[in-house]
Each structure stands twice: as C-alpha cells, then as structure tokens.
C-alpha atoms as a PDB file:
ATOM      1  CA  MET A   1       0.000   0.000   0.000  1.00  0.00           C
ATOM      2  CA  SER A   2       1.456   3.335  -0.996  1.00  0.00           C
ATOM      3  CA  THR A   3       1.260   6.468   1.101  1.00  0.00           C
ATOM      4  CA  ASN A   4       0.981   8.698  -1.944  1.00  0.00           C
ATOM      5  CA  THR A   5      -1.522  11.424  -1.080  1.00  0.00           C
ATOM      6  CA  GLU A   6      -2.968  13.055  -4.146  1.00  0.00           C
ATOM      7  CA  THR A   7      -3.964  16.680  -3.756  1.00  0.00           C
ATOM      8  CA  ARG A   8      -7.163  17.307  -5.613  1.00  0.00           C
ATOM      9  CA  SER A   9      -7.757  20.906  -6.594  1.00  0.00           C
ATOM     10  CA  LYS A  10     -10.955  22.347  -5.214  1.00  0.00           C
ATOM     11  CA  ARG A  11     -13.508  23.897  -7.543  1.00  0.00           C
ATOM     12  CA  LYS A  12     -13.834  27.670  -7.603  1.00  0.00           C
ATOM     13  CA  LEU A  13     -16.948  29.478  -8.764  1.00  0.00           C
ATOM     14  CA  ASN A  14     -17.700  33.157  -9.395  1.00  0.00           C
ATOM     15  CA  GLY A  15     -21.097  34.614  -8.653  1.00  0.00           C
ATOM     16  CA  VAL A  16     -23.197  37.395  -7.138  1.00  0.00           C
ATOM     17  CA  VAL A  17     -24.475  37.506  -3.553  1.00  0.00           C
ATOM     18  CA  VAL A  18     -28.282  37.416  -3.588  1.00  0.00           C
ATOM     19  CA  ALA A  19     -28.898  36.983   0.163  1.00  0.00           C
ATOM     20  CA  ASP A  20     -26.890  37.850   3.259  1.00  0.00           C
ATOM     21  CA  LYS A  21     -29.523  37.864   6.007  1.00  0.00           C
ATOM     22  CA  SER A  22     -28.285  34.719   7.756  1.00  0.00           C
ATOM     23  CA  GLU A  23     -25.434  34.899  10.212  1.00  0.00           C
ATOM     24  CA  LYS A  24     -22.145  33.646   8.678  1.00  0.00           C
ATOM     25  CA  THR A  25     -23.996  32.469   5.535  1.00  0.00           C
ATOM     26  CA  ILE A  26     -24.400  34.003   2.102  1.00  0.00           C
ATOM     27  CA  VAL A  27     -26.344  32.754  -0.899  1.00  0.00           C
ATOM     28  CA  VAL A  28     -24.430  33.076  -4.160  1.00  0.00           C
ATOM     29  CA  ASP A  29     -26.087  32.960  -7.584  1.00  0.00           C
ATOM     30  CA  VAL A  30     -23.704  31.304 -10.077  1.00  0.00           C
ATOM     31  CA  LEU A  31     -24.300  31.773 -13.806  1.00  0.00           C
ATOM     32  CA  ARG A  32     -23.321  28.933 -16.137  1.00  0.00           C
ATOM     33  CA  ARG A  33     -23.247  29.116 -19.943  1.00  0.00           C
ATOM     34  CA  TYR A  34     -23.227  26.111 -22.241  1.00  0.00           C
ATOM     35  CA  LYS A  35     -24.105  25.124 -25.792  1.00  0.00           C
ATOM     36  CA  HIS A  36     -27.462  23.392 -26.348  1.00  0.00           C
ATOM     37  CA  ASP A  37     -26.993  19.942 -27.902  1.00  0.00           C
ATOM     38  CA  LYS A  38     -29.837  20.080 -30.406  1.00  0.00           C
ATOM     39  CA  TYR A  39     -30.134  23.766 -31.271  1.00  0.00           C
ATOM     40  CA  SER A  40     -26.465  24.814 -30.905  1.00  0.00           C
ATOM     41  CA  LYS A  41     -27.458  27.991 -29.074  1.00  0.00           C
ATOM     42  CA  GLN A  42     -25.826  29.443 -25.998  1.00  0.00           C
ATOM     43  CA  VAL A  43     -28.018  28.672 -22.975  1.00  0.00           C
ATOM     44  CA  TYR A  44     -27.693  30.250 -19.528  1.00  0.00           C
ATOM     45  CA  LYS A  45     -28.519  28.521 -16.265  1.00  0.00           C
ATOM     46  CA  THR A  46     -28.179  29.785 -12.714  1.00  0.00           C
ATOM     47  CA  LYS A  47     -27.757  27.887  -9.489  1.00  0.00           C
ATOM     48  CA  LYS A  48     -27.768  29.129  -5.911  1.00  0.00           C
ATOM     49  CA  HIS A  49     -25.066  27.925  -3.547  1.00  0.00           C
ATOM     50  CA  HIS A  50     -24.978  28.540   0.208  1.00  0.00           C
ATOM     51  CA  ALA A  51     -21.494  29.574   1.310  1.00  0.00           C
ATOM     52  CA  HIS A  52     -19.826  30.084   4.684  1.00  0.00           C
ATOM     53  CA  ASP A  53     -18.759  33.679   5.381  1.00  0.00           C
ATOM     54  CA  GLU A  54     -16.986  33.691   8.746  1.00  0.00           C
ATOM     55  CA  THR A  55     -16.325  37.444   8.987  1.00  0.00           C
ATOM     56  CA  GLY A  56     -19.442  38.734   7.228  1.00  0.00           C
ATOM     57  CA  VAL A  57     -17.604  40.865   4.647  1.00  0.00           C
ATOM     58  CA  ALA A  58     -19.785  39.976   1.638  1.00  0.00           C
ATOM     59  CA  LYS A  59     -22.851  42.126   1.174  1.00  0.00           C
ATOM     60  CA  LEU A  60     -25.857  41.955  -1.124  1.00  0.00           C
ATOM     61  CA  GLY A  61     -24.889  42.482  -4.776  1.00  0.00           C
ATOM     62  CA  ASP A  62     -21.150  41.844  -4.322  1.00  0.00           C
ATOM     63  CA  LYS A  63     -19.290  39.734  -6.856  1.00  0.00           C
ATOM     64  CA  VAL A  64     -17.556  36.920  -4.987  1.00  0.00           C
ATOM     65  CA  THR A  65     -15.453  33.815  -5.513  1.00  0.00           C
ATOM     66  CA  ILE A  66     -16.380  30.688  -3.571  1.00  0.00           C
ATOM     67  CA  ILE A  67     -14.440  27.444  -3.144  1.00  0.00           C
ATOM     68  CA  GLU A  68     -15.412  23.887  -2.227  1.00  0.00           C
ATOM     69  CA  SER A  69     -15.049  23.052   1.447  1.00  0.00           C
ATOM     70  CA  ARG A  70     -16.084  20.614   4.107  1.00  0.00           C
ATOM     71  CA  PRO A  71     -19.812  20.433   4.916  1.00  0.00           C
ATOM     72  CA  TYR A  72     -20.676  23.164   7.407  1.00  0.00           C
ATOM     73  CA  SER A  73     -24.376  22.266   7.544  1.00  0.00           C
ATOM     74  CA  LYS A  74     -27.098  20.587   5.515  1.00  0.00           C
ATOM     75  CA  LEU A  75     -26.855  23.146   2.696  1.00  0.00           C
ATOM     76  CA  LYS A  76     -23.447  24.802   3.142  1.00  0.00           C
ATOM     77  CA  ARG A  77     -20.739  23.036   1.127  1.00  0.00           C
ATOM     78  CA  TRP A  78     -18.885  26.154  -0.079  1.00  0.00           C
ATOM     79  CA  GLU A  79     -16.718  28.785   1.563  1.00  0.00           C
ATOM     80  CA  LEU A  80     -16.117  32.429   0.661  1.00  0.00           C
ATOM     81  CA  LEU A  81     -12.673  32.871  -0.890  1.00  0.00           C
ATOM     82  CA  SER A  82     -12.692  36.550  -1.883  1.00  0.00           C
ATOM     83  CA  VAL A  83     -14.883  39.533  -2.644  1.00  0.00           C
ATOM     84  CA  ASN A  84     -14.107  40.908  -6.115  1.00  0.00           C
END
C-alpha cells in the first residue's frame, strides 16, 4: 500500500451575492453558460449555492469567488474565498 496522497484541486466558482440575512452564511447565484446539444445555441442557467462567510464581509450584490469546502451544515458546502 502506498502512502501517496494526491492533492485534488478544489472547484472555484464566481457569482453574485443574492442573500446575506443569515449569520455567517451568504447565498451566491452562479451563472453557467453552455451550448445546447440540439439547437447549438448558448443557454444560460443559474444555481444558488450557500457559502460560509466567517467574517461577514460579503454584502448583497457583491461579486464573490467561492471554493469547495467541508460540509458546514445541511446546505453549506462552499466557503467564501474573496470579494471581487
């Protein structure tokens, strides 16, 4: 058995804060663009991610970068990396 520990890079996403009412939690709306298989058009989809914000620096409307992290709660699986 080898003790080779592989370091997997964590995913980073950019988005806009749409809710900051909860304590130490923000909701980030992430926009994704992809090409439709049948019609070959550009299609946009959004998804909301709950992220942990320890210091409370992100405010409503801020552009932020979030990164994958350990589960903080039932919904929070992301952590605030920076406010752009």
